[in-house]
Amino acid sequence: MNRQALGRLGEDLAAVYLEERGYCILERNVRTRHGEIDLIAEKAGVRVFVEVKLRSGVGYGLPEEAVTAQKRKHILDAIAAYWQAKAEEIEWRVDVLAIIRTPGSDEVQVEHFENALTE
């Protein structure tokens, strides 16, 4: 599976996971001049920007470890650009969904880090 297909699989798994927990998926793969926002969801009046990280096994580390300081900056810059294009003021947060897919099976483990990034 190539990197793009793996990314799409991770986002699909994340969207299902969130919907099962009462989130409404508003947008996917939102591109800004600062990068892409994987998922934008909403629950209980809070806009949730979701960064999805998927790994097939942990040989290269846990998925959440891929959200480096530089990645955090890109995410927050992308969100700022998103808000600049919108005329909304609403409570928001950034969540990280770390997904580990067991190689050779359909088994996945999902760890949901709510409010994972702060400005």
PDB file of N, CA and C in Angstrom:
ATOM      1  N   MET A   1       0.854  -1.174   0.000  1.00  0.00           N
ATOM      2  CA  MET A   1       0.000   0.000   0.000  1.00  0.00           C
ATOM      3  C   MET A   1       0.901   1.239   0.000  1.00  0.00           C
ATOM      4  N   ASN A   2       0.668   2.148  -0.943  1.00  0.00           N
ATOM      5  CA  ASN A   2       1.509   3.345  -1.004  1.00  0.00           C
ATOM      6  C   ASN A   2       1.118   4.336   0.093  1.00  0.00           C
ATOM      7  N   ARG A   3       1.941   5.350   0.235  1.00  0.00           N
ATOM      8  CA  ARG A   3       1.775   6.325   1.321  1.00  0.00           C
ATOM      9  C   ARG A   3       0.429   7.055   1.247  1.00  0.00           C
ATOM     10  N   GLN A   4       0.024   7.423   0.032  1.00  0.00           N
ATOM     11  CA  GLN A   4      -1.248   8.128  -0.140  1.00  0.00           C
ATOM     12  C   GLN A   4      -2.428   7.234   0.244  1.00  0.00           C
ATOM     13  N   ALA A   5      -2.393   5.974  -0.172  1.00  0.00           N
ATOM     14  CA  ALA A   5      -3.472   5.035   0.167  1.00  0.00           C
ATOM     15  C   ALA A   5      -3.502   4.781   1.672  1.00  0.00           C
ATOM     16  N   LEU A   6      -2.323   4.690   2.279  1.00  0.00           N
ATOM     17  CA  LEU A   6      -2.249   4.486   3.726  1.00  0.00           C
ATOM     18  C   LEU A   6      -2.830   5.696   4.467  1.00  0.00           C
ATOM     19  N   GLY A   7      -2.535   6.898   3.973  1.00  0.00           N
ATOM     20  CA  GLY A   7      -3.092   8.104   4.576  1.00  0.00           C
ATOM     21  C   GLY A   7      -4.605   8.145   4.470  1.00  0.00           C
ATOM     22  N   ARG A   8      -5.122   7.767   3.305  1.00  0.00           N
ATOM     23  CA  ARG A   8      -6.579   7.728   3.089  1.00  0.00           C
ATOM     24  C   ARG A   8      -7.222   6.703   4.024  1.00  0.00           C
ATOM     25  N   LEU A   9      -6.586   5.535   4.172  1.00  0.00           N
ATOM     26  CA  LEU A   9      -7.108   4.508   5.078  1.00  0.00           C
ATOM     27  C   LEU A   9      -7.165   5.054   6.503  1.00  0.00           C
ATOM     28  N   GLY A  10      -6.101   5.717   6.942  1.00  0.00           N
ATOM     29  CA  GLY A  10      -6.075   6.291   8.287  1.00  0.00           C
ATOM     30  C   GLY A  10      -7.186   7.298   8.497  1.00  0.00           C
ATOM     31  N   GLU A  11      -7.411   8.150   7.512  1.00  0.00           N
ATOM     32  CA  GLU A  11      -8.473   9.153   7.629  1.00  0.00           C
ATOM     33  C   GLU A  11      -9.852   8.510   7.619  1.00  0.00           C
ATOM     34  N   ASP A  12     -10.026   7.465   6.815  1.00  0.00           N
ATOM     35  CA  ASP A  12     -11.304   6.744   6.811  1.00  0.00           C
ATOM     36  C   ASP A  12     -11.570   6.093   8.164  1.00  0.00           C
ATOM     37  N   LEU A  13     -10.550   5.440   8.715  1.00  0.00           N
ATOM     38  CA  LEU A  13     -10.696   4.804  10.032  1.00  0.00           C
ATOM     39  C   LEU A  13     -10.995   5.852  11.108  1.00  0.00           C
ATOM     40  N   ALA A  14     -10.308   6.982  11.030  1.00  0.00           N
ATOM     41  CA  ALA A  14     -10.515   8.059  12.008  1.00  0.00           C
ATOM     42  C   ALA A  14     -11.926   8.623  11.909  1.00  0.00           C
ATOM     43  N   ALA A  15     -12.412   8.817  10.685  1.00  0.00           N
ATOM     44  CA  ALA A  15     -13.763   9.364  10.507  1.00  0.00           C
ATOM     45  C   ALA A  15     -14.807   8.425  11.097  1.00  0.00           C
ATOM     46  N   VAL A  16     -14.676   7.131  10.850  1.00  0.00           N
ATOM     47  CA  VAL A  16     -15.617   6.154  11.410  1.00  0.00           C
ATOM     48  C   VAL A  16     -15.542   6.170  12.934  1.00  0.00           C
ATOM     49  N   TYR A  17     -14.337   6.162  13.470  1.00  0.00           N
ATOM     50  CA  TYR A  17     -14.135   6.185  14.922  1.00  0.00           C
ATOM     51  C   TYR A  17     -14.847   7.394  15.539  1.00  0.00           C
ATOM     52  N   LEU A  18     -14.642   8.577  14.942  1.00  0.00           N
ATOM     53  CA  LEU A  18     -15.245   9.795  15.482  1.00  0.00           C
ATOM     54  C   LEU A  18     -16.764   9.784  15.359  1.00  0.00           C
ATOM     55  N   GLU A  19     -17.270   9.359  14.200  1.00  0.00           N
ATOM     56  CA  GLU A  19     -18.725   9.315  14.005  1.00  0.00           C
ATOM     57  C   GLU A  19     -19.391   8.373  15.001  1.00  0.00           C
ATOM     58  N   GLU A  20     -18.734   7.260  15.300  1.00  0.00           N
ATOM     59  CA  GLU A  20     -19.281   6.320  16.286  1.00  0.00           C
ATOM     60  C   GLU A  20     -19.343   6.928  17.681  1.00  0.00           C
ATOM     61  N   ARG A  21     -18.590   7.996  17.897  1.00  0.00           N
ATOM     62  CA  ARG A  21     -18.562   8.661  19.202  1.00  0.00           C
ATOM     63  C   ARG A  21     -19.303   9.992  19.193  1.00  0.00           C
ATOM     64  N   GLY A  22     -20.147  10.184  18.197  1.00  0.00           N
ATOM     65  CA  GLY A  22     -21.023  11.345  18.178  1.00  0.00           C
ATOM     66  C   GLY A  22     -20.492  12.589  17.494  1.00  0.00           C
ATOM     67  N   TYR A  23     -19.349  12.502  16.840  1.00  0.00           N
ATOM     68  CA  TYR A  23     -18.819  13.639  16.106  1.00  0.00           C
ATOM     69  C   TYR A  23     -19.460  13.692  14.719  1.00  0.00           C
ATOM     70  N   CYS A  24     -19.625  14.890  14.210  1.00  0.00           N
ATOM     71  CA  CYS A  24     -20.092  15.106  12.840  1.00  0.00           C
ATOM     72  C   CYS A  24     -18.879  15.536  12.023  1.00  0.00           C
ATOM     73  N   ILE A  25     -18.554  14.786  10.983  1.00  0.00           N
ATOM     74  CA  ILE A  25     -17.436  15.150  10.116  1.00  0.00           C
ATOM     75  C   ILE A  25     -17.919  16.243   9.175  1.00  0.00           C
ATOM     76  N   LEU A  26     -17.273  17.404   9.237  1.00  0.00           N
ATOM     77  CA  LEU A  26     -17.668  18.549   8.417  1.00  0.00           C
ATOM     78  C   LEU A  26     -16.875  18.624   7.117  1.00  0.00           C
ATOM     79  N   GLU A  27     -15.572  18.380   7.207  1.00  0.00           N
ATOM     80  CA  GLU A  27     -14.704  18.486   6.033  1.00  0.00           C
ATOM     81  C   GLU A  27     -13.543  17.511   6.170  1.00  0.00           C
ATOM     82  N   ARG A  28     -12.998  17.145   4.999  1.00  0.00           N
ATOM     83  CA  ARG A  28     -11.833  16.260   4.959  1.00  0.00           C
ATOM     84  C   ARG A  28     -10.793  16.866   4.041  1.00  0.00           C
ATOM     85  N   ASN A  29      -9.539  16.673   4.382  1.00  0.00           N
ATOM     86  CA  ASN A  29      -8.415  17.101   3.545  1.00  0.00           C
ATOM     87  C   ASN A  29      -8.537  18.561   3.111  1.00  0.00           C
ATOM     88  N   VAL A  30      -8.673  19.434   4.095  1.00  0.00           N
ATOM     89  CA  VAL A  30      -8.792  20.861   3.813  1.00  0.00           C
ATOM     90  C   VAL A  30      -7.391  21.422   3.585  1.00  0.00           C
ATOM     91  N   ARG A  31      -7.183  21.952   2.393  1.00  0.00           N
ATOM     92  CA  ARG A  31      -5.871  22.498   2.032  1.00  0.00           C
ATOM     93  C   ARG A  31      -5.830  24.004   2.279  1.00  0.00           C
ATOM     94  N   THR A  32      -4.758  24.434   2.933  1.00  0.00           N
ATOM     95  CA  THR A  32      -4.494  25.855   3.126  1.00  0.00           C
ATOM     96  C   THR A  32      -3.074  26.118   2.619  1.00  0.00           C
ATOM     97  N   ARG A  33      -2.685  27.370   2.602  1.00  0.00           N
ATOM     98  CA  ARG A  33      -1.320  27.676   2.141  1.00  0.00           C
ATOM     99  C   ARG A  33      -0.255  27.151   3.109  1.00  0.00           C
ATOM    100  N   HIS A  34      -0.669  26.768   4.305  1.00  0.00           N
ATOM    101  CA  HIS A  34       0.274  26.258   5.302  1.00  0.00           C
ATOM    102  C   HIS A  34       0.245  24.739   5.432  1.00  0.00           C
ATOM    103  N   GLY A  35      -0.592  24.086   4.668  1.00  0.00           N
ATOM    104  CA  GLY A  35      -0.666  22.635   4.749  1.00  0.00           C
ATOM    105  C   GLY A  35      -2.101  22.160   4.801  1.00  0.00           C
ATOM    106  N   GLU A  36      -2.243  20.885   5.042  1.00  0.00           N
ATOM    107  CA  GLU A  36      -3.555  20.245   5.005  1.00  0.00           C
ATOM    108  C   GLU A  36      -4.049  19.921   6.409  1.00  0.00           C
ATOM    109  N   ILE A  37      -5.334  20.102   6.599  1.00  0.00           N
ATOM    110  CA  ILE A  37      -6.001  19.674   7.826  1.00  0.00           C
ATOM    111  C   ILE A  37      -6.709  18.370   7.467  1.00  0.00           C
ATOM    112  N   ASP A  38      -6.376  17.286   8.166  1.00  0.00           N
ATOM    113  CA  ASP A  38      -6.906  15.968   7.801  1.00  0.00           C
ATOM    114  C   ASP A  38      -8.424  15.912   7.899  1.00  0.00           C
ATOM    115  N   LEU A  39      -8.959  16.207   9.066  1.00  0.00           N
ATOM    116  CA  LEU A  39     -10.404  16.163   9.282  1.00  0.00           C
ATOM    117  C   LEU A  39     -10.826  17.377  10.104  1.00  0.00           C
ATOM    118  N   ILE A  40     -12.003  17.880   9.794  1.00  0.00           N
ATOM    119  CA  ILE A  40     -12.624  18.897  10.640  1.00  0.00           C
ATOM    120  C   ILE A  40     -13.968  18.328  11.055  1.00  0.00           C
ATOM    121  N   ALA A  41     -14.160  18.239  12.360  1.00  0.00           N
ATOM    122  CA  ALA A  41     -15.380  17.648  12.908  1.00  0.00           C
ATOM    123  C   ALA A  41     -16.000  18.631  13.891  1.00  0.00           C
ATOM    124  N   GLU A  42     -17.175  18.267  14.368  1.00  0.00           N
ATOM    125  CA  GLU A  42     -17.816  19.087  15.389  1.00  0.00           C
ATOM    126  C   GLU A  42     -18.570  18.170  16.345  1.00  0.00           C
ATOM    127  N   LYS A  43     -18.507  18.542  17.604  1.00  0.00           N
ATOM    128  CA  LYS A  43     -19.262  17.821  18.629  1.00  0.00           C
ATOM    129  C   LYS A  43     -19.585  18.812  19.738  1.00  0.00           C
ATOM    130  N   ALA A  44     -20.833  18.833  20.128  1.00  0.00           N
ATOM    131  CA  ALA A  44     -21.298  19.685  21.236  1.00  0.00           C
ATOM    132  C   ALA A  44     -20.889  21.140  21.031  1.00  0.00           C
ATOM    133  N   GLY A  45     -20.983  21.625  19.791  1.00  0.00           N
ATOM    134  CA  GLY A  45     -20.683  23.015  19.504  1.00  0.00           C
ATOM    135  C   GLY A  45     -19.212  23.370  19.459  1.00  0.00           C
ATOM    136  N   VAL A  46     -18.346  22.383  19.517  1.00  0.00           N
ATOM    137  CA  VAL A  46     -16.904  22.622  19.465  1.00  0.00           C
ATOM    138  C   VAL A  46     -16.381  22.118  18.118  1.00  0.00           C
ATOM    139  N   ARG A  47     -15.673  22.978  17.396  1.00  0.00           N
ATOM    140  CA  ARG A  47     -15.034  22.586  16.145  1.00  0.00           C
ATOM    141  C   ARG A  47     -13.747  21.858  16.503  1.00  0.00           C
ATOM    142  N   VAL A  48     -13.548  20.693  15.918  1.00  0.00           N
ATOM    143  CA  VAL A  48     -12.391  19.865  16.244  1.00  0.00           C
ATOM    144  C   VAL A  48     -11.569  19.632  14.981  1.00  0.00           C
ATOM    145  N   PHE A  49     -10.339  20.105  15.004  1.00  0.00           N
ATOM    146  CA  PHE A  49      -9.398  19.887  13.912  1.00  0.00           C
ATOM    147  C   PHE A  49      -8.607  18.639  14.269  1.00  0.00           C
ATOM    148  N   VAL A  50      -8.628  17.658  13.367  1.00  0.00           N
ATOM    149  CA  VAL A  50      -8.074  16.347  13.695  1.00  0.00           C
ATOM    150  C   VAL A  50      -6.862  16.041  12.814  1.00  0.00           C
ATOM    151  N   GLU A  51      -5.759  15.757  13.469  1.00  0.00           N
ATOM    152  CA  GLU A  51      -4.560  15.268  12.795  1.00  0.00           C
ATOM    153  C   GLU A  51      -4.551  13.752  12.965  1.00  0.00           C
ATOM    154  N   VAL A  52      -4.452  13.046  11.848  1.00  0.00           N
ATOM    155  CA  VAL A  52      -4.495  11.584  11.862  1.00  0.00           C
ATOM    156  C   VAL A  52      -3.103  11.053  11.563  1.00  0.00           C
ATOM    157  N   LYS A  53      -2.642  10.143  12.406  1.00  0.00           N
ATOM    158  CA  LYS A  53      -1.359   9.484  12.188  1.00  0.00           C
ATOM    159  C   LYS A  53      -1.590   7.983  12.255  1.00  0.00           C
ATOM    160  N   LEU A  54      -1.207   7.284  11.194  1.00  0.00           N
ATOM    161  CA  LEU A  54      -1.386   5.834  11.110  1.00  0.00           C
ATOM    162  C   LEU A  54      -0.027   5.181  10.939  1.00  0.00           C
ATOM    163  N   ARG A  55       0.181   4.106  11.633  1.00  0.00           N
ATOM    164  CA  ARG A  55       1.393   3.302  11.484  1.00  0.00           C
ATOM    165  C   ARG A  55       0.983   1.842  11.317  1.00  0.00           C
ATOM    166  N   SER A  56       1.739   1.142  10.494  1.00  0.00           N
ATOM    167  CA  SER A  56       1.586  -0.310  10.383  1.00  0.00           C
ATOM    168  C   SER A  56       2.673  -0.902  11.271  1.00  0.00           C
ATOM    169  N   GLY A  57       2.333  -1.149  12.508  1.00  0.00           N
ATOM    170  CA  GLY A  57       3.314  -1.602  13.479  1.00  0.00           C
ATOM    171  C   GLY A  57       4.004  -0.418  14.128  1.00  0.00           C
ATOM    172  N   VAL A  58       4.902  -0.704  15.057  1.00  0.00           N
ATOM    173  CA  VAL A  58       5.570   0.366  15.803  1.00  0.00           C
ATOM    174  C   VAL A  58       7.084   0.361  15.588  1.00  0.00           C
ATOM    175  N   GLY A  59       7.537  -0.263  14.512  1.00  0.00           N
ATOM    176  CA  GLY A  59       8.963  -0.317  14.219  1.00  0.00           C
ATOM    177  C   GLY A  59       9.601   1.052  14.062  1.00  0.00           C
ATOM    178  N   TYR A  60       8.825   2.028  13.623  1.00  0.00           N
ATOM    179  CA  TYR A  60       9.334   3.389  13.464  1.00  0.00           C
ATOM    180  C   TYR A  60       8.806   4.314  14.552  1.00  0.00           C
ATOM    181  N   GLY A  61       8.304   3.752  15.632  1.00  0.00           N
ATOM    182  CA  GLY A  61       7.795   4.550  16.736  1.00  0.00           C
ATOM    183  C   GLY A  61       6.283   4.620  16.727  1.00  0.00           C
ATOM    184  N   LEU A  62       5.746   5.179  17.774  1.00  0.00           N
ATOM    185  CA  LEU A  62       4.300   5.336  17.901  1.00  0.00           C
ATOM    186  C   LEU A  62       3.810   6.440  16.968  1.00  0.00           C
ATOM    187  N   PRO A  63       2.598   6.320  16.466  1.00  0.00           N
ATOM    188  CA  PRO A  63       2.101   7.332  15.529  1.00  0.00           C
ATOM    189  C   PRO A  63       2.097   8.744  16.107  1.00  0.00           C
ATOM    190  N   GLU A  64       1.728   8.876  17.373  1.00  0.00           N
ATOM    191  CA  GLU A  64       1.652  10.207  17.978  1.00  0.00           C
ATOM    192  C   GLU A  64       3.019  10.879  18.067  1.00  0.00           C
ATOM    193  N   GLU A  65       4.082  10.091  18.037  1.00  0.00           N
ATOM    194  CA  GLU A  65       5.431  10.663  18.084  1.00  0.00           C
ATOM    195  C   GLU A  65       5.779  11.407  16.796  1.00  0.00           C
ATOM    196  N   ALA A  66       5.009  11.190  15.743  1.00  0.00           N
ATOM    197  CA  ALA A  66       5.232  11.884  14.473  1.00  0.00           C
ATOM    198  C   ALA A  66       4.698  13.312  14.488  1.00  0.00           C
ATOM    199  N   VAL A  67       3.993  13.693  15.537  1.00  0.00           N
ATOM    200  CA  VAL A  67       3.503  15.070  15.657  1.00  0.00           C
ATOM    201  C   VAL A  67       4.590  15.864  16.381  1.00  0.00           C
ATOM    202  N   THR A  68       5.576  16.259  15.599  1.00  0.00           N
ATOM    203  CA  THR A  68       6.739  16.978  16.111  1.00  0.00           C
ATOM    204  C   THR A  68       6.408  18.453  16.317  1.00  0.00           C
ATOM    205  N   ALA A  69       7.348  19.184  16.871  1.00  0.00           N
ATOM    206  CA  ALA A  69       7.163  20.631  17.068  1.00  0.00           C
ATOM    207  C   ALA A  69       6.918  21.322  15.720  1.00  0.00           C
ATOM    208  N   GLN A  70       7.647  20.917  14.705  1.00  0.00           N
ATOM    209  CA  GLN A  70       7.456  21.514  13.379  1.00  0.00           C
ATOM    210  C   GLN A  70       6.070  21.181  12.826  1.00  0.00           C
ATOM    211  N   LYS A  71       5.619  19.933  13.026  1.00  0.00           N
ATOM    212  CA  LYS A  71       4.281  19.534  12.565  1.00  0.00           C
ATOM    213  C   LYS A  71       3.216  20.316  13.323  1.00  0.00           C
ATOM    214  N   ARG A  72       3.402  20.507  14.626  1.00  0.00           N
ATOM    215  CA  ARG A  72       2.448  21.291  15.427  1.00  0.00           C
ATOM    216  C   ARG A  72       2.301  22.705  14.855  1.00  0.00           C
ATOM    217  N   LYS A  73       3.441  23.308  14.511  1.00  0.00           N
ATOM    218  CA  LYS A  73       3.409  24.658  13.949  1.00  0.00           C
ATOM    219  C   LYS A  73       2.644  24.665  12.629  1.00  0.00           C
ATOM    220  N   HIS A  74       2.897  23.703  11.769  1.00  0.00           N
ATOM    221  CA  HIS A  74       2.177  23.633  10.492  1.00  0.00           C
ATOM    222  C   HIS A  74       0.676  23.467  10.713  1.00  0.00           C
ATOM    223  N   ILE A  75       0.309  22.625  11.670  1.00  0.00           N
ATOM    224  CA  ILE A  75      -1.118  22.405  11.961  1.00  0.00           C
ATOM    225  C   ILE A  75      -1.761  23.709  12.433  1.00  0.00           C
ATOM    226  N   LEU A  76      -1.135  24.371  13.389  1.00  0.00           N
ATOM    227  CA  LEU A  76      -1.702  25.616  13.922  1.00  0.00           C
ATOM    228  C   LEU A  76      -1.736  26.723  12.870  1.00  0.00           C
ATOM    229  N   ASP A  77      -0.711  26.785  12.003  1.00  0.00           N
ATOM    230  CA  ASP A  77      -0.712  27.768  10.921  1.00  0.00           C
ATOM    231  C   ASP A  77      -1.835  27.469   9.923  1.00  0.00           C
ATOM    232  N   ALA A  78      -2.056  26.189   9.621  1.00  0.00           N
ATOM    233  CA  ALA A  78      -3.137  25.805   8.702  1.00  0.00           C
ATOM    234  C   ALA A  78      -4.493  26.170   9.298  1.00  0.00           C
ATOM    235  N   ILE A  79      -4.654  25.962  10.597  1.00  0.00           N
ATOM    236  CA  ILE A  79      -5.918  26.312  11.262  1.00  0.00           C
ATOM    237  C   ILE A  79      -6.125  27.822  11.243  1.00  0.00           C
ATOM    238  N   ALA A  80      -5.067  28.574  11.480  1.00  0.00           N
ATOM    239  CA  ALA A  80      -5.171  30.045  11.436  1.00  0.00           C
ATOM    240  C   ALA A  80      -5.611  30.498  10.044  1.00  0.00           C
ATOM    241  N   ALA A  81      -5.058  29.888   9.000  1.00  0.00           N
ATOM    242  CA  ALA A  81      -5.455  30.235   7.627  1.00  0.00           C
ATOM    243  C   ALA A  81      -6.911  29.848   7.377  1.00  0.00           C
ATOM    244  N   TYR A  82      -7.323  28.710   7.914  1.00  0.00           N
ATOM    245  CA  TYR A  82      -8.715  28.271   7.786  1.00  0.00           C
ATOM    246  C   TYR A  82      -9.650  29.297   8.424  1.00  0.00           C
ATOM    247  N   TRP A  83      -9.338  29.716   9.651  1.00  0.00           N
ATOM    248  CA  TRP A  83     -10.189  30.680  10.345  1.00  0.00           C
ATOM    249  C   TRP A  83     -10.203  32.019   9.642  1.00  0.00           C
ATOM    250  N   GLN A  84      -9.072  32.392   9.043  1.00  0.00           N
ATOM    251  CA  GLN A  84      -8.994  33.664   8.333  1.00  0.00           C
ATOM    252  C   GLN A  84      -9.976  33.686   7.153  1.00  0.00           C
ATOM    253  N   ALA A  85     -10.169  32.520   6.538  1.00  0.00           N
ATOM    254  CA  ALA A  85     -11.088  32.418   5.399  1.00  0.00           C
ATOM    255  C   ALA A  85     -12.549  32.319   5.848  1.00  0.00           C
ATOM    256  N   LYS A  86     -12.779  32.038   7.109  1.00  0.00           N
ATOM    257  CA  LYS A  86     -14.142  31.916   7.649  1.00  0.00           C
ATOM    258  C   LYS A  86     -14.469  33.141   8.489  1.00  0.00           C
ATOM    259  N   ALA A  87     -15.710  33.439   8.585  1.00  0.00           N
ATOM    260  CA  ALA A  87     -16.132  34.579   9.417  1.00  0.00           C
ATOM    261  C   ALA A  87     -16.855  34.060  10.653  1.00  0.00           C
ATOM    262  N   GLU A  88     -16.294  33.025  11.264  1.00  0.00           N
ATOM    263  CA  GLU A  88     -16.933  32.402  12.422  1.00  0.00           C
ATOM    264  C   GLU A  88     -16.081  32.596  13.667  1.00  0.00           C
ATOM    265  N   GLU A  89     -16.744  32.652  14.770  1.00  0.00           N
ATOM    266  CA  GLU A  89     -16.060  32.580  16.052  1.00  0.00           C
ATOM    267  C   GLU A  89     -16.741  31.477  16.823  1.00  0.00           C
ATOM    268  N   ILE A  90     -16.022  30.409  17.023  1.00  0.00           N
ATOM    269  CA  ILE A  90     -16.574  29.231  17.682  1.00  0.00           C
ATOM    270  C   ILE A  90     -15.450  28.580  18.492  1.00  0.00           C
ATOM    271  N   GLU A  91     -15.823  27.946  19.566  1.00  0.00           N
ATOM    272  CA  GLU A  91     -14.836  27.227  20.374  1.00  0.00           C
ATOM    273  C   GLU A  91     -14.220  26.117  19.521  1.00  0.00           C
ATOM    274  N   TRP A  92     -12.913  25.906  19.665  1.00  0.00           N
ATOM    275  CA  TRP A  92     -12.250  24.884  18.872  1.00  0.00           C
ATOM    276  C   TRP A  92     -11.097  24.257  19.645  1.00  0.00           C
ATOM    277  N   ARG A  93     -10.641  23.122  19.118  1.00  0.00           N
ATOM    278  CA  ARG A  93      -9.485  22.439  19.687  1.00  0.00           C
ATOM    279  C   ARG A  93      -8.856  21.568  18.603  1.00  0.00           C
ATOM    280  N   VAL A  94      -7.677  21.050  18.914  1.00  0.00           N
ATOM    281  CA  VAL A  94      -6.978  20.150  17.998  1.00  0.00           C
ATOM    282  C   VAL A  94      -6.839  18.796  18.684  1.00  0.00           C
ATOM    283  N   ASP A  95      -7.304  17.756  18.010  1.00  0.00           N
ATOM    284  CA  ASP A  95      -7.149  16.390  18.500  1.00  0.00           C
ATOM    285  C   ASP A  95      -6.186  15.642  17.577  1.00  0.00           C
ATOM    286  N   VAL A  96      -5.514  14.653  18.135  1.00  0.00           N
ATOM    287  CA  VAL A  96      -4.679  13.751  17.352  1.00  0.00           C
ATOM    288  C   VAL A  96      -5.245  12.353  17.514  1.00  0.00           C
ATOM    289  N   LEU A  97      -5.458  11.693  16.384  1.00  0.00           N
ATOM    290  CA  LEU A  97      -5.867  10.287  16.406  1.00  0.00           C
ATOM    291  C   LEU A  97      -4.678   9.465  15.946  1.00  0.00           C
ATOM    292  N   ALA A  98      -4.147   8.655  16.844  1.00  0.00           N
ATOM    293  CA  ALA A  98      -3.002   7.795  16.560  1.00  0.00           C
ATOM    294  C   ALA A  98      -3.533   6.384  16.336  1.00  0.00           C
ATOM    295  N   ILE A  99      -3.274   5.860  15.145  1.00  0.00           N
ATOM    296  CA  ILE A  99      -3.825   4.557  14.762  1.00  0.00           C
ATOM    297  C   ILE A  99      -2.679   3.605  14.444  1.00  0.00           C
ATOM    298  N   ILE A 100      -2.734   2.428  15.043  1.00  0.00           N
ATOM    299  CA  ILE A 100      -1.772   1.372  14.723  1.00  0.00           C
ATOM    300  C   ILE A 100      -2.537   0.244  14.061  1.00  0.00           C
ATOM    301  N   ARG A 101      -2.124  -0.094  12.861  1.00  0.00           N
ATOM    302  CA  ARG A 101      -2.751  -1.163  12.091  1.00  0.00           C
ATOM    303  C   ARG A 101      -1.837  -2.382  12.155  1.00  0.00           C
ATOM    304  N   THR A 102      -2.376  -3.492  12.620  1.00  0.00           N
ATOM    305  CA  THR A 102      -1.600  -4.713  12.717  1.00  0.00           C
ATOM    306  C   THR A 102      -1.314  -5.227  11.312  1.00  0.00           C
ATOM    307  N   PRO A 103      -0.038  -5.368  10.957  1.00  0.00           N
ATOM    308  CA  PRO A 103       0.303  -5.845   9.613  1.00  0.00           C
ATOM    309  C   PRO A 103      -0.342  -7.203   9.310  1.00  0.00           C
ATOM    310  N   GLY A 104      -0.893  -7.334   8.109  1.00  0.00           N
ATOM    311  CA  GLY A 104      -1.482  -8.597   7.686  1.00  0.00           C
ATOM    312  C   GLY A 104      -2.874  -8.862   8.211  1.00  0.00           C
ATOM    313  N   SER A 105      -3.492  -7.867   8.872  1.00  0.00           N
ATOM    314  CA  SER A 105      -4.853  -8.072   9.372  1.00  0.00           C
ATOM    315  C   SER A 105      -5.616  -6.757   9.306  1.00  0.00           C
ATOM    316  N   ASP A 106      -6.894  -6.830   9.639  1.00  0.00           N
ATOM    317  CA  ASP A 106      -7.723  -5.626   9.675  1.00  0.00           C
ATOM    318  C   ASP A 106      -7.801  -5.031  11.074  1.00  0.00           C
ATOM    319  N   GLU A 107      -7.056  -5.588  12.009  1.00  0.00           N
ATOM    320  CA  GLU A 107      -7.093  -5.131  13.396  1.00  0.00           C
ATOM    321  C   GLU A 107      -6.386  -3.782  13.543  1.00  0.00           C
ATOM    322  N   VAL A 108      -7.062  -2.851  14.226  1.00  0.00           N
ATOM    323  CA  VAL A 108      -6.479  -1.532  14.470  1.00  0.00           C
ATOM    324  C   VAL A 108      -6.658  -1.141  15.929  1.00  0.00           C
ATOM    325  N   GLN A 109      -5.727  -0.338  16.403  1.00  0.00           N
ATOM    326  CA  GLN A 109      -5.820   0.260  17.731  1.00  0.00           C
ATOM    327  C   GLN A 109      -5.851   1.766  17.527  1.00  0.00           C
ATOM    328  N   VAL A 110      -6.790   2.430  18.174  1.00  0.00           N
ATOM    329  CA  VAL A 110      -6.919   3.872  18.040  1.00  0.00           C
ATOM    330  C   VAL A 110      -6.740   4.521  19.400  1.00  0.00           C
ATOM    331  N   GLU A 111      -5.870   5.497  19.437  1.00  0.00           N
ATOM    332  CA  GLU A 111      -5.687   6.307  20.648  1.00  0.00           C
ATOM    333  C   GLU A 111      -6.096   7.728  20.281  1.00  0.00           C
ATOM    334  N   HIS A 112      -7.022   8.298  21.071  1.00  0.00           N
ATOM    335  CA  HIS A 112      -7.565   9.621  20.785  1.00  0.00           C
ATOM    336  C   HIS A 112      -7.016  10.595  21.818  1.00  0.00           C
ATOM    337  N   PHE A 113      -6.223  11.542  21.336  1.00  0.00           N
ATOM    338  CA  PHE A 113      -5.667  12.571  22.208  1.00  0.00           C
ATOM    339  C   PHE A 113      -6.473  13.850  21.991  1.00  0.00           C
ATOM    340  N   GLU A 114      -7.360  14.154  22.926  1.00  0.00           N
ATOM    341  CA  GLU A 114      -8.184  15.357  22.833  1.00  0.00           C
ATOM    342  C   GLU A 114      -7.384  16.574  23.267  1.00  0.00           C
ATOM    343  N   ASN A 115      -7.644  17.703  22.603  1.00  0.00           N
ATOM    344  CA  ASN A 115      -6.983  18.958  22.938  1.00  0.00           C
ATOM    345  C   ASN A 115      -5.467  18.768  23.008  1.00  0.00           C
ATOM    346  N   ALA A 116      -4.938  18.129  21.977  1.00  0.00           N
ATOM    347  CA  ALA A 116      -3.531  17.719  21.962  1.00  0.00           C
ATOM    348  C   ALA A 116      -2.558  18.877  21.750  1.00  0.00           C
ATOM    349  N   LEU A 117      -3.023  19.933  21.111  1.00  0.00           N
ATOM    350  CA  LEU A 117      -2.138  21.066  20.830  1.00  0.00           C
ATOM    351  C   LEU A 117      -2.739  22.320  21.416  1.00  0.00           C
ATOM    352  N   THR A 118      -1.898  23.172  21.932  1.00  0.00           N
ATOM    353  CA  THR A 118      -2.362  24.477  22.385  1.00  0.00           C
ATOM    354  C   THR A 118      -1.508  25.529  21.690  1.00  0.00           C
ATOM    355  N   GLU A 119      -2.077  26.694  21.555  1.00  0.00           N
ATOM    356  CA  GLU A 119      -1.341  27.774  20.885  1.00  0.00           C
ATOM    357  C   GLU A 119      -0.189  28.242  21.737  1.00  0.00           C
TER     358      GLU A 119
END
